[in-house]
Amino acid sequence: MTDRTRDEIARILKDNTRSKADRVDELLRMREDARALQRAATESPMGNETPDSSGLRDIDRALERLGHIDLTEAEENSAATL
């Protein structure tokens, strides 16, 4: 999944036709999906998703490049943690 995720992240970051807020919103949606997949994998006996394989780290880095740094606080206050 990481190669596809990296390609999608690169496309979003390079899309200068959209505002920074729109690009952050799309990356946040990708992040929510990646976290949901990671949570599901940890609940499955055959799950092998990690932050690296789910693309979470790449998405987080892209969000930081766009100036969005509120992820840690949001996760700390979230009811669903890994």
C-alpha atoms as a PDB file:
ATOM      1  CA  MET A   1       0.000   0.000   0.000  1.00  0.00           C
ATOM      2  CA  THR A   2       2.861   2.379   0.644  1.00  0.00           C
ATOM      3  CA  ASP A   3       3.816   2.935  -3.011  1.00  0.00           C
ATOM      4  CA  ARG A   4       0.245   3.772  -3.944  1.00  0.00           C
ATOM      5  CA  THR A   5      -0.039   5.986  -0.886  1.00  0.00           C
ATOM      6  CA  ARG A   6       3.192   7.793  -1.724  1.00  0.00           C
ATOM      7  CA  ASP A   7       2.012   8.387  -5.293  1.00  0.00           C
ATOM      8  CA  GLU A   8      -1.284   9.778  -4.032  1.00  0.00           C
ATOM      9  CA  ILE A   9       0.501  12.007  -1.508  1.00  0.00           C
ATOM     10  CA  ALA A  10       2.818  13.342  -4.204  1.00  0.00           C
ATOM     11  CA  ARG A  11      -0.169  14.102  -6.438  1.00  0.00           C
ATOM     12  CA  ILE A  12      -1.888  16.003  -3.631  1.00  0.00           C
ATOM     13  CA  LEU A  13       1.211  17.977  -2.668  1.00  0.00           C
ATOM     14  CA  LYS A  14       1.919  18.969  -6.285  1.00  0.00           C
ATOM     15  CA  ASP A  15      -1.679  20.045  -7.016  1.00  0.00           C
ATOM     16  CA  ASN A  16      -1.317  23.816  -6.980  1.00  0.00           C
ATOM     17  CA  THR A  17      -4.849  24.256  -8.361  1.00  0.00           C
ATOM     18  CA  ARG A  18      -6.262  23.507  -4.895  1.00  0.00           C
ATOM     19  CA  SER A  19      -5.888  25.499  -1.721  1.00  0.00           C
ATOM     20  CA  LYS A  20      -3.647  24.309   1.084  1.00  0.00           C
ATOM     21  CA  ALA A  21      -6.729  23.693   3.234  1.00  0.00           C
ATOM     22  CA  ASP A  22      -8.262  21.440   0.548  1.00  0.00           C
ATOM     23  CA  ARG A  23      -5.053  19.444   0.271  1.00  0.00           C
ATOM     24  CA  VAL A  24      -4.846  19.100   4.075  1.00  0.00           C
ATOM     25  CA  ASP A  25      -8.475  17.916   4.158  1.00  0.00           C
ATOM     26  CA  GLU A  26      -7.773  15.239   1.551  1.00  0.00           C
ATOM     27  CA  LEU A  27      -4.674  14.067   3.410  1.00  0.00           C
ATOM     28  CA  LEU A  28      -6.650  13.928   6.654  1.00  0.00           C
ATOM     29  CA  ARG A  29      -9.269  11.739   4.946  1.00  0.00           C
ATOM     30  CA  MET A  30      -6.471   9.463   3.696  1.00  0.00           C
ATOM     31  CA  ARG A  31      -5.085   9.364   7.231  1.00  0.00           C
ATOM     32  CA  GLU A  32      -8.450   8.394   8.700  1.00  0.00           C
ATOM     33  CA  ASP A  33      -8.738   5.565   6.166  1.00  0.00           C
ATOM     34  CA  ALA A  34      -5.197   4.366   6.881  1.00  0.00           C
ATOM     35  CA  ARG A  35      -5.841   4.411  10.646  1.00  0.00           C
ATOM     36  CA  ALA A  36      -9.085   2.482  10.194  1.00  0.00           C
ATOM     37  CA  LEU A  37      -7.258  -0.163   8.163  1.00  0.00           C
ATOM     38  CA  GLN A  38      -4.507  -0.325  10.737  1.00  0.00           C
ATOM     39  CA  ARG A  39      -7.019  -0.719  13.580  1.00  0.00           C
ATOM     40  CA  ALA A  40      -8.808  -3.488  11.693  1.00  0.00           C
ATOM     41  CA  ALA A  41      -5.508  -5.245  11.062  1.00  0.00           C
ATOM     42  CA  THR A  42      -4.568  -5.137  14.734  1.00  0.00           C
ATOM     43  CA  GLU A  43      -7.908  -6.722  15.624  1.00  0.00           C
ATOM     44  CA  SER A  44      -7.455  -9.517  13.124  1.00  0.00           C
ATOM     45  CA  PRO A  45      -5.338 -12.527  14.030  1.00  0.00           C
ATOM     46  CA  MET A  46      -3.746 -12.322  10.591  1.00  0.00           C
ATOM     47  CA  GLY A  47      -3.211  -8.560  10.611  1.00  0.00           C
ATOM     48  CA  ASN A  48       0.218  -7.280   9.748  1.00  0.00           C
ATOM     49  CA  GLU A  49      -0.354  -3.557   9.153  1.00  0.00           C
ATOM     50  CA  THR A  50       2.141  -1.255  10.824  1.00  0.00           C
ATOM     51  CA  PRO A  51       2.463   2.534  10.686  1.00  0.00           C
ATOM     52  CA  ASP A  52       5.016   2.002   7.918  1.00  0.00           C
ATOM     53  CA  SER A  53       2.946  -0.373   5.813  1.00  0.00           C
ATOM     54  CA  SER A  54      -0.283   1.590   6.229  1.00  0.00           C
ATOM     55  CA  GLY A  55       1.296   4.808   4.960  1.00  0.00           C
ATOM     56  CA  LEU A  56       0.531   6.743   8.144  1.00  0.00           C
ATOM     57  CA  ARG A  57       4.057   8.067   8.492  1.00  0.00           C
ATOM     58  CA  ASP A  58       4.120   9.290   4.901  1.00  0.00           C
ATOM     59  CA  ILE A  59       0.752  10.982   5.324  1.00  0.00           C
ATOM     60  CA  ASP A  60       1.871  12.593   8.588  1.00  0.00           C
ATOM     61  CA  ARG A  61       5.020  13.931   6.924  1.00  0.00           C
ATOM     62  CA  ALA A  62       2.975  15.376   4.062  1.00  0.00           C
ATOM     63  CA  LEU A  63       0.614  17.048   6.524  1.00  0.00           C
ATOM     64  CA  GLU A  64       3.590  18.548   8.331  1.00  0.00           C
ATOM     65  CA  ARG A  65       4.935  19.878   5.016  1.00  0.00           C
ATOM     66  CA  LEU A  66       1.633  21.668   4.544  1.00  0.00           C
ATOM     67  CA  GLY A  67       1.886  23.105   8.049  1.00  0.00           C
ATOM     68  CA  HIS A  68      -0.722  20.880   9.712  1.00  0.00           C
ATOM     69  CA  ILE A  69       0.678  19.721  13.067  1.00  0.00           C
ATOM     70  CA  ASP A  70      -2.405  19.049  15.222  1.00  0.00           C
ATOM     71  CA  LEU A  71      -2.250  15.247  14.833  1.00  0.00           C
ATOM     72  CA  THR A  72      -0.687  14.280  18.156  1.00  0.00           C
ATOM     73  CA  GLU A  73      -3.174  16.204  20.265  1.00  0.00           C
ATOM     74  CA  ALA A  74      -6.112  14.842  18.261  1.00  0.00           C
ATOM     75  CA  GLU A  75      -4.898  11.281  18.708  1.00  0.00           C
ATOM     76  CA  GLU A  76      -4.273  11.702  22.419  1.00  0.00           C
ATOM     77  CA  ASN A  77      -7.880  12.847  22.885  1.00  0.00           C
ATOM     78  CA  SER A  78      -9.331  10.180  20.603  1.00  0.00           C
ATOM     79  CA  ALA A  79     -11.346   7.315  22.041  1.00  0.00           C
ATOM     80  CA  ALA A  80      -9.993   4.955  19.384  1.00  0.00           C
ATOM     81  CA  THR A  81      -6.287   4.497  19.879  1.00  0.00           C
ATOM     82  CA  LEU A  82      -4.001   1.755  18.702  1.00  0.00           C
END
